[in-house]
């Protein structure tokens, strides 16, 4: 990739950061999101005035911040299921999408959904309570999903006198647990904050001069986004084969899709998987014209120098850097349906652009997501539970390990009778 392309890539990709928030009950998550929205001018004046009028009636200091983000409460009271709430704001440096997910154990599947595309996770900890079971669970799920940046926001520092020793004890306790996780990569940043008073959220405030790190917003504005995309391994799942039925294009055959990782140039030697057919890239076509080089996450049409039998679900890769082609997989699976997953049952696996029949041949263990203990050989996997499974596929797929490539290492499980999504998997 040349420097011009890298600059274009950086400018377009770092413009948006997706992050998820998770915390225990009353950790101040709604107040924190409200503080971010207010201090970055992310709410309309009439919304802010309405929230402050309600606060004046209730007489609770700072309640207006939570009111700005608790608009879903009425829907919950009416029995309407809320999976994940998405909120948006922007600063001159970046645009942001917040995936606000429920924190309770019974909503593990919701957190997995909200965090699956996140670049960063904010784990909220109450400074008075320290590292709780839910804090460990949220961190484990964030790391399992390959989120590269974790921010541990130690909130309510105003209620512990902004004590540095309280902050440092929580940091020690968290790192003691974190080092035991069976996951690798990523970084952790600790930030002491008071969402109610605004300290270290957007503005630094004057109450914690002993803390010299970034504010929460500074971390959100500077966290690298490009690390989420694998820039080394070219992976192009074919979405559609283009055969225009026109007189001037009757010989045209193009392969349309999105580059999930890596880059490709005209003339590159490629292999089509799982068939193993080889050729070279002849043209790279986009809406704006032809290119000599393209890279993730661009959507393009590729043509080849040779006619090859290629269809939706095939994957085009560099010949000298192929992924695994497997009919048997080991994967961490988060179960999302009321009907438990049991070994021996058949499902559909949706992986990139291909769908294939599969059977769960074994459930090696279930993870107790509160203690992180591995429970060997359980009889089933219930809703919101996570476990390591073995899968046997009807036909092979081209895939990578999830920790190496989120795009080609993840899949969803579909019930072939109801056509409902019942699970989400990460290939080991």
Protein backbone atom coordinates (compact mmCIF):
# COMPACT_ATOMS: atom_id res chain seq x y z
CA UNK A 1 0.00 0.00 0.00
CA UNK A 2 1.54 3.34 -0.97
CA UNK A 3 1.64 6.39 1.29
CA UNK A 4 -1.23 8.16 -0.50
CA UNK A 5 -3.49 5.15 -0.07
CA UNK A 6 -2.49 4.84 3.59
CA UNK A 7 -3.34 8.50 4.19
CA UNK A 8 -6.73 8.10 2.51
CA UNK A 9 -7.35 4.93 4.54
CA UNK A 10 -6.45 6.65 7.78
CA UNK A 11 -8.56 9.72 7.03
CA UNK A 12 -11.68 7.72 6.24
CA UNK A 13 -11.32 5.01 8.89
CA UNK A 14 -10.34 7.08 11.93
CA UNK A 15 -13.25 9.44 11.32
CA UNK A 16 -15.55 7.05 13.20
CA UNK A 17 -14.96 5.17 16.45
CA UNK A 18 -17.45 2.65 17.76
CA UNK A 19 -17.34 1.93 21.46
CA UNK A 20 -19.43 -0.01 23.93
CA UNK A 21 -20.21 0.79 27.54
CA UNK A 22 -20.81 -1.76 30.29
CA UNK A 23 -21.18 -1.53 34.03
CA UNK A 24 -22.96 -2.90 37.08
CA UNK A 25 -26.23 -1.53 38.44
CA UNK A 26 -25.93 2.11 39.60
CA UNK A 27 -22.35 2.50 38.40
CA UNK A 28 -23.43 5.70 36.66
CA UNK A 29 -23.39 4.54 33.04
CA UNK A 30 -26.38 6.69 32.02
CA UNK A 31 -24.87 9.69 33.79
CA UNK A 32 -21.54 9.13 32.02
CA UNK A 33 -23.13 8.93 28.57
CA UNK A 34 -25.23 11.99 29.39
CA UNK A 35 -22.08 13.88 30.46
CA UNK A 36 -20.34 13.00 27.18
CA UNK A 37 -23.35 14.16 25.18
CA UNK A 38 -23.80 17.42 27.11
CA UNK A 39 -20.15 18.46 27.31
CA UNK A 40 -19.55 17.73 23.62
CA UNK A 41 -22.75 19.59 22.64
CA UNK A 42 -24.28 16.33 21.47
CA UNK A 43 -27.87 17.11 22.57
CA UNK A 44 -30.37 19.73 21.47
CA UNK A 45 -31.11 22.64 23.78
CA UNK A 46 -34.79 21.69 24.09
CA UNK A 47 -33.84 18.15 25.16
CA UNK A 48 -31.45 19.54 27.76
CA UNK A 49 -34.01 22.04 29.06
CA UNK A 50 -36.69 19.35 29.34
CA UNK A 51 -34.36 17.06 31.28
CA UNK A 52 -33.38 19.86 33.65
CA UNK A 53 -37.05 20.71 34.31
CA UNK A 54 -37.70 17.11 35.32
CA UNK A 55 -34.60 17.18 37.50
CA UNK A 56 -35.87 20.31 39.26
CA UNK A 57 -39.09 18.49 40.14
CA UNK A 58 -37.26 15.42 41.44
CA UNK A 59 -34.67 17.44 43.32
CA UNK A 60 -31.83 15.04 42.51
CA UNK A 61 -28.55 16.67 41.55
CA UNK A 62 -27.33 15.67 38.10
CA UNK A 63 -30.42 13.59 37.33
CA UNK A 64 -30.79 15.43 34.02
CA UNK A 65 -27.67 13.67 32.69
CA UNK A 66 -29.17 10.22 33.18
CA UNK A 67 -32.56 11.40 31.91
CA UNK A 68 -30.98 12.24 28.55
CA UNK A 69 -30.14 8.57 28.03
CA UNK A 70 -32.96 6.84 29.90
CA UNK A 71 -35.54 7.41 27.22
CA UNK A 72 -35.86 3.65 26.77
CA UNK A 73 -37.09 3.16 30.33
CA UNK A 74 -40.76 3.64 29.39
CA UNK A 75 -40.43 1.07 26.63
CA UNK A 76 -38.89 -1.41 29.05
CA UNK A 77 -41.76 -0.86 31.47
CA UNK A 78 -44.19 -1.67 28.66
CA UNK A 79 -42.51 -5.04 28.17
CA UNK A 80 -40.80 -4.12 24.91
CA UNK A 81 -37.46 -5.92 24.50
CA UNK A 82 -34.53 -3.52 24.09
CA UNK A 83 -31.43 -5.28 22.84
CA UNK A 84 -28.84 -2.55 22.35
CA UNK A 85 -29.31 1.23 22.33
CA UNK A 86 -27.09 3.14 19.92
CA UNK A 87 -26.25 6.79 20.48
CA UNK A 88 -24.24 9.22 18.41
CA UNK A 89 -22.12 12.30 18.99
CA UNK A 90 -19.17 14.02 17.39
CA UNK A 91 -16.22 16.27 18.11
CA UNK A 92 -14.02 18.14 15.62
CA UNK A 93 -11.63 15.18 15.69
CA UNK A 94 -14.00 12.20 15.40
CA UNK A 95 -17.50 10.86 15.12
CA UNK A 96 -18.66 8.31 17.68
CA UNK A 97 -21.24 5.56 17.97
CA UNK A 98 -21.97 4.33 21.50
CA UNK A 99 -23.43 0.84 21.89
CA UNK A 100 -25.15 1.03 25.29
CA UNK A 101 -25.62 -2.58 26.38
CA UNK A 102 -27.34 -4.10 29.44
CA UNK A 103 -24.89 -5.29 32.08
CA UNK A 104 -26.71 -8.16 33.75
CA UNK A 105 -25.72 -11.78 33.18
CA UNK A 106 -29.06 -12.55 31.54
CA UNK A 107 -28.17 -10.02 28.83
CA UNK A 108 -24.81 -11.52 27.87
CA UNK A 109 -26.05 -12.05 24.32
CA UNK A 110 -26.98 -8.36 24.09
CA UNK A 111 -23.50 -7.32 25.16
CA UNK A 112 -21.97 -9.68 22.59
CA UNK A 113 -24.16 -8.10 19.92
CA UNK A 114 -23.26 -4.54 20.87
CA UNK A 115 -19.55 -5.23 21.31
CA UNK A 116 -19.05 -7.33 18.17
CA UNK A 117 -18.13 -4.34 15.99
CA UNK A 118 -16.62 -2.10 18.69
CA UNK A 119 -13.13 -0.64 18.54
CA UNK A 120 -13.09 0.16 22.25
CA UNK A 121 -14.91 -0.89 25.43
CA UNK A 122 -15.54 1.35 28.44
CA UNK A 123 -15.81 -0.79 31.60
CA UNK A 124 -17.37 1.29 34.36
CA UNK A 125 -16.39 0.59 37.99
CA UNK A 126 -17.87 2.28 41.06
CA UNK A 127 -14.95 3.62 43.11
CA UNK A 128 -16.79 2.72 46.33
CA UNK A 129 -17.35 -0.92 45.34
CA UNK A 130 -14.18 -1.78 43.44
CA UNK A 131 -13.84 -4.65 40.94
CA UNK A 132 -17.03 -6.71 41.01
CA UNK A 133 -18.09 -9.95 39.36
CA UNK A 134 -19.84 -7.99 36.62
CA UNK A 135 -16.66 -5.99 35.97
CA UNK A 136 -14.77 -9.23 35.35
CA UNK A 137 -17.53 -10.60 33.14
CA UNK A 138 -17.66 -7.48 30.98
CA UNK A 139 -13.88 -7.48 30.58
CA UNK A 140 -13.80 -11.17 29.65
CA UNK A 141 -16.47 -10.74 26.98
CA UNK A 142 -14.73 -7.64 25.58
CA UNK A 143 -11.45 -9.48 25.25
CA UNK A 144 -13.13 -12.62 23.90
CA UNK A 145 -14.63 -10.51 21.12
CA UNK A 146 -11.23 -9.09 20.27
CA UNK A 147 -11.93 -5.47 21.21
CA UNK A 148 -8.44 -3.95 20.99
CA UNK A 149 -8.83 -1.13 23.54
CA UNK A 150 -10.32 -1.37 27.02
CA UNK A 151 -10.84 1.72 29.15
CA UNK A 152 -11.50 1.08 32.83
CA UNK A 153 -13.40 4.19 33.95
CA UNK A 154 -13.32 4.33 37.76
CA UNK A 155 -16.40 6.43 38.42
CA UNK A 156 -17.81 8.29 41.44
CA UNK A 157 -14.39 9.45 42.56
CA UNK A 158 -16.21 12.43 44.13
CA UNK A 159 -17.80 10.02 46.63
CA UNK A 160 -14.40 8.77 47.85
CA UNK A 161 -12.86 12.22 48.19
CA UNK A 162 -10.97 11.86 44.89
CA UNK A 163 -8.55 9.60 46.79
CA UNK A 164 -5.55 8.46 44.77
CA UNK A 165 -5.09 5.37 46.97
CA UNK A 166 -8.64 4.19 46.14
CA UNK A 167 -7.90 4.53 42.42
CA UNK A 168 -4.57 2.70 42.73
CA UNK A 169 -6.09 -0.20 44.70
CA UNK A 170 -8.73 -0.74 42.00
CA UNK A 171 -6.01 -0.66 39.33
CA UNK A 172 -4.03 -3.34 41.22
CA UNK A 173 -7.10 -5.53 41.77
CA UNK A 174 -8.14 -5.26 38.13
CA UNK A 175 -4.68 -6.09 36.76
CA UNK A 176 -4.42 -9.11 39.06
CA UNK A 177 -7.58 -10.49 37.49
CA UNK A 178 -6.79 -9.31 33.95
CA UNK A 179 -3.46 -11.10 33.78
CA UNK A 180 -5.25 -14.42 34.33
CA UNK A 181 -7.50 -14.06 31.28
CA UNK A 182 -7.00 -16.63 28.54
CA UNK A 183 -6.83 -13.93 25.85
CA UNK A 184 -4.02 -11.94 24.28
CA UNK A 185 -3.44 -8.55 22.67
CA UNK A 186 -4.97 -5.14 23.18
CA UNK A 187 -4.32 -2.46 25.75
CA UNK A 188 -5.92 -1.30 29.01
CA UNK A 189 -6.20 2.32 30.16
CA UNK A 190 -7.35 3.35 33.65
CA UNK A 191 -9.08 6.72 34.08
CA UNK A 192 -10.50 8.08 37.36
CA UNK A 193 -13.67 10.06 36.65
CA UNK A 194 -16.69 11.70 38.18
CA UNK A 195 -19.48 11.55 35.63
CA UNK A 196 -21.71 13.62 37.92
CA UNK A 197 -19.23 16.46 38.40
CA UNK A 198 -17.55 16.09 35.00
CA UNK A 199 -14.00 15.43 36.21
CA UNK A 200 -11.79 13.66 33.63
CA UNK A 201 -14.70 12.94 31.26
CA UNK A 202 -14.44 15.80 28.76
CA UNK A 203 -12.76 18.42 30.96
CA UNK A 204 -9.96 17.59 33.40
CA UNK A 205 -11.43 19.49 36.35
CA UNK A 206 -9.34 20.49 39.38
CA UNK A 207 -9.97 17.65 41.80
CA UNK A 208 -7.41 15.06 40.68
CA UNK A 209 -4.10 16.82 39.98
CA UNK A 210 -2.31 13.56 40.84
CA UNK A 211 -3.67 11.90 37.68
CA UNK A 212 -1.60 12.77 34.61
CA UNK A 213 -3.17 10.49 32.00
CA UNK A 214 -5.77 11.35 29.34
CA UNK A 215 -9.38 12.28 29.99
CA UNK A 216 -11.97 9.83 28.72
CA UNK A 217 -12.70 11.96 25.65
CA UNK A 218 -9.00 12.35 24.88
CA UNK A 219 -8.67 8.55 24.92
CA UNK A 220 -11.71 8.16 22.69
CA UNK A 221 -10.34 10.73 20.23
CA UNK A 222 -6.86 9.18 20.00
CA UNK A 223 -7.35 5.41 20.32
CA UNK A 224 -6.09 3.80 17.06
CA UNK A 225 -8.90 2.38 14.97
CA UNK A 226 -6.83 0.77 12.23
CA UNK A 227 -5.65 -2.06 14.49
CA UNK A 228 -9.07 -3.68 14.17
CA UNK A 229 -8.52 -4.38 10.47
CA UNK A 230 -5.99 -7.00 9.50
CA UNK A 231 -3.82 -5.20 6.95
CA UNK A 232 -1.64 -8.18 6.06
CA UNK A 233 -3.93 -10.98 4.90
CA UNK A 234 -5.97 -10.31 1.75
CA UNK A 235 -9.45 -11.81 2.18
CA UNK A 236 -12.21 -11.15 -0.37
CA UNK A 237 -15.44 -13.12 0.14
CA UNK A 238 -17.44 -13.05 -3.10
CA UNK A 239 -20.92 -11.58 -2.63
CA UNK A 240 -22.12 -11.54 -6.20
CA UNK A 241 -20.96 -12.58 -9.66
CA UNK A 242 -21.69 -9.75 -12.10
CA UNK A 243 -22.70 -10.82 -15.63
CA UNK A 244 -24.35 -7.79 -17.33
CA UNK A 245 -26.73 -8.81 -20.11
CA UNK A 246 -25.78 -6.00 -22.49
CA UNK A 247 -24.31 -6.11 -25.98
CA UNK A 248 -21.11 -4.24 -25.11
CA UNK A 249 -20.53 -6.15 -21.84
CA UNK A 250 -21.66 -9.64 -22.82
CA UNK A 251 -18.18 -11.06 -22.06
CA UNK A 252 -17.80 -9.29 -18.73
CA UNK A 253 -17.50 -11.39 -15.56
CA UNK A 254 -16.79 -9.53 -12.33
CA UNK A 255 -16.69 -10.67 -8.72
CA UNK A 256 -18.28 -8.20 -6.35
CA UNK A 257 -17.79 -7.88 -2.60
CA UNK A 258 -16.01 -6.10 0.22
CA UNK A 259 -12.33 -6.54 1.01
CA UNK A 260 -12.48 -7.75 4.62
CA UNK A 261 -8.75 -7.47 5.26
CA UNK A 262 -5.46 -6.75 3.52
CA UNK A 263 -5.02 -5.19 0.10
CA UNK A 264 -4.82 -6.27 -3.54
CA UNK A 265 -3.16 -4.93 -6.69
CA UNK A 266 -3.68 -5.44 -10.39
CA UNK A 267 -1.45 -8.37 -11.43
CA UNK A 268 -1.46 -10.09 -8.03
CA UNK A 269 -1.49 -13.89 -8.08
CA UNK A 270 -4.67 -15.11 -6.39
CA UNK A 271 -6.28 -18.38 -5.36
CA UNK A 272 -10.01 -19.05 -5.13
CA UNK A 273 -11.07 -21.07 -2.08
CA UNK A 274 -12.20 -23.69 -1.35
CA UNK A 275 -11.71 -24.90 -4.95
CA UNK A 276 -8.02 -23.97 -5.14
CA UNK A 277 -8.30 -22.44 -8.64
CA UNK A 278 -5.62 -19.83 -9.43
CA UNK A 279 -5.37 -16.74 -11.64
CA UNK A 280 -4.26 -13.10 -11.52
CA UNK A 281 -6.12 -9.86 -10.89
CA UNK A 282 -6.90 -8.16 -14.19
CA UNK A 283 -8.97 -5.14 -13.10
CA UNK A 284 -10.16 -3.51 -9.87
CA UNK A 285 -13.39 -1.62 -10.53
CA UNK A 286 -15.25 0.79 -8.24
CA UNK A 287 -18.18 3.16 -8.63
CA UNK A 288 -15.70 5.99 -9.12
CA UNK A 289 -13.59 4.20 -11.70
CA UNK A 290 -10.75 1.68 -11.90
CA UNK A 291 -7.89 1.40 -9.41
CA UNK A 292 -4.44 -0.13 -9.44
CA UNK A 293 -4.79 -1.08 -5.75
CA UNK A 294 -7.59 -1.51 -3.22
CA UNK A 295 -7.65 -2.30 0.48
CA UNK A 296 -9.99 -3.11 3.36
CA UNK A 297 -12.76 -2.16 3.92
CA UNK A 298 -13.44 -1.06 0.31
CA UNK A 299 -16.23 -2.58 -1.78
CA UNK A 300 -14.97 -3.41 -5.28
CA UNK A 301 -15.48 -5.59 -8.31
CA UNK A 302 -12.55 -7.77 -9.31
CA UNK A 303 -11.97 -9.34 -12.71
CA UNK A 304 -9.46 -12.11 -13.40
CA UNK A 305 -7.17 -12.87 -16.31
CA UNK A 306 -8.70 -16.35 -16.68
CA UNK A 307 -12.27 -17.60 -16.70
CA UNK A 308 -12.88 -19.45 -13.48
CA UNK A 309 -15.91 -21.12 -11.94
CA UNK A 310 -16.51 -18.81 -8.98
CA UNK A 311 -19.75 -18.23 -7.09
CA UNK A 312 -21.11 -16.44 -4.02
CA UNK A 313 -19.47 -17.76 -0.87
CA UNK A 314 -16.07 -18.41 -2.45
CA UNK A 315 -13.11 -16.44 -1.14
CA UNK A 316 -10.35 -14.82 -3.22
CA UNK A 317 -6.98 -14.61 -1.45
CA UNK A 318 -3.31 -14.11 -2.29
CA UNK A 319 -1.78 -17.35 -3.47
CA UNK A 320 1.21 -16.98 -1.15
CA UNK A 321 -0.90 -16.17 1.92
CA UNK A 322 -3.95 -18.44 2.15
CA UNK A 323 -6.22 -18.92 5.15
CA UNK A 324 -7.13 -22.30 6.59
CA UNK A 325 -9.64 -24.39 4.67
CA UNK A 326 -11.49 -26.51 7.22
CA UNK A 327 -14.44 -28.86 7.57
CA UNK A 328 -13.96 -29.21 11.32
CA UNK A 329 -13.71 -26.22 13.66
CA UNK A 330 -13.17 -25.44 17.34
CA UNK A 331 -14.94 -22.25 18.34
CA UNK A 332 -16.07 -20.23 21.34
CA UNK A 333 -19.83 -20.00 21.07
CA UNK A 334 -22.22 -17.55 22.75
CA UNK A 335 -25.72 -19.02 22.76
CA UNK A 336 -28.53 -16.53 22.13
CA UNK A 337 -31.74 -18.55 22.04
CA UNK A 338 -34.16 -19.88 24.64
CA UNK A 339 -33.83 -23.39 23.22
CA UNK A 340 -30.47 -24.74 24.47
CA UNK A 341 -27.72 -25.90 22.15
CA UNK A 342 -27.10 -29.63 22.50
CA UNK A 343 -24.30 -31.71 20.92
CA UNK A 344 -25.48 -33.73 17.95
CA UNK A 345 -27.96 -31.17 16.67
CA UNK A 346 -27.61 -29.72 13.18
CA UNK A 347 -27.57 -26.01 12.41
CA UNK A 348 -26.62 -23.59 9.63
CA UNK A 349 -23.34 -21.66 9.89
CA UNK A 350 -23.24 -18.22 8.22
CA UNK A 351 -19.59 -17.32 7.65
CA UNK A 352 -18.71 -14.23 5.57
CA UNK A 353 -20.86 -14.71 2.44
CA UNK A 354 -21.35 -18.47 2.63
CA UNK A 355 -23.89 -20.55 4.52
CA UNK A 356 -23.16 -24.20 5.23
CA UNK A 357 -24.83 -26.98 7.20
CA UNK A 358 -23.03 -28.01 10.37
CA UNK A 359 -23.34 -30.24 13.39
CA UNK A 360 -22.07 -29.66 16.91
CA UNK A 361 -20.03 -32.78 17.59
CA UNK A 362 -18.88 -31.88 21.11
CA UNK A 363 -19.24 -29.28 23.85
CA UNK A 364 -15.81 -29.29 25.50
CA UNK A 365 -16.58 -26.88 28.32
CA UNK A 366 -18.80 -24.02 29.43
CA UNK A 367 -17.29 -20.83 30.82
CA UNK A 368 -18.70 -19.63 34.13
CA UNK A 369 -18.65 -15.98 33.08
CA UNK A 370 -18.74 -14.84 36.70
CA UNK A 371 -15.72 -16.82 37.92
CA UNK A 372 -14.19 -17.62 34.46
CA UNK A 373 -14.00 -21.27 35.56
CA UNK A 374 -14.23 -23.90 32.81
CA UNK A 375 -17.04 -26.40 33.48
CA UNK A 376 -16.05 -29.56 31.52
CA UNK A 377 -18.46 -31.46 29.24
CA UNK A 378 -21.82 -29.86 30.16
CA UNK A 379 -24.88 -31.49 28.57
CA UNK A 380 -26.05 -28.28 26.87
CA UNK A 381 -25.40 -24.59 26.35
CA UNK A 382 -28.24 -22.36 27.55
CA UNK A 383 -29.15 -18.84 26.51
CA UNK A 384 -26.45 -16.28 27.44
CA UNK A 385 -23.91 -19.04 28.14
CA UNK A 386 -20.52 -19.27 26.43
CA UNK A 387 -18.64 -22.49 25.71
CA UNK A 388 -16.01 -24.15 23.54
CA UNK A 389 -17.55 -26.39 20.88
CA UNK A 390 -16.40 -28.65 18.06
CA UNK A 391 -18.22 -28.31 14.74
CA UNK A 392 -18.29 -30.53 11.68
CA UNK A 393 -19.30 -28.81 8.43
CA UNK A 394 -20.92 -30.32 5.37
CA UNK A 395 -18.39 -28.53 3.14
CA UNK A 396 -15.13 -26.70 3.92
CA UNK A 397 -14.84 -22.97 4.52
CA UNK A 398 -11.85 -20.63 4.23
CA UNK A 399 -11.30 -19.07 7.64
CA UNK A 400 -8.80 -17.59 10.09
CA UNK A 401 -8.61 -17.63 13.86
CA UNK A 402 -10.83 -14.89 15.31
CA UNK A 403 -8.01 -13.30 17.27
CA UNK A 404 -6.09 -12.89 14.00
CA UNK A 405 -8.94 -11.71 11.79
CA UNK A 406 -12.35 -10.81 13.20
CA UNK A 407 -13.95 -10.69 9.74
CA UNK A 408 -13.06 -14.24 8.69
CA UNK A 409 -12.88 -15.75 12.17
CA UNK A 410 -16.45 -15.03 13.25
CA UNK A 411 -19.73 -16.66 12.29
CA UNK A 412 -23.37 -16.84 13.34
CA UNK A 413 -25.43 -19.96 13.97
CA UNK A 414 -28.89 -20.22 12.41
CA UNK A 415 -31.69 -22.64 13.23
CA UNK A 416 -32.47 -24.16 9.83
CA UNK A 417 -36.12 -24.75 10.81
CA UNK A 418 -37.05 -21.30 12.16
CA UNK A 419 -34.31 -19.36 10.30
CA UNK A 420 -33.56 -17.51 13.56
CA UNK A 421 -30.06 -16.52 14.64
CA UNK A 422 -29.38 -18.62 17.73
CA UNK A 423 -25.65 -18.18 18.37
CA UNK A 424 -22.46 -16.31 17.58
CA UNK A 425 -19.10 -18.05 17.25
CA UNK A 426 -15.42 -17.18 17.24
CA UNK A 427 -13.07 -19.66 15.57
CA UNK A 428 -10.11 -20.73 17.63
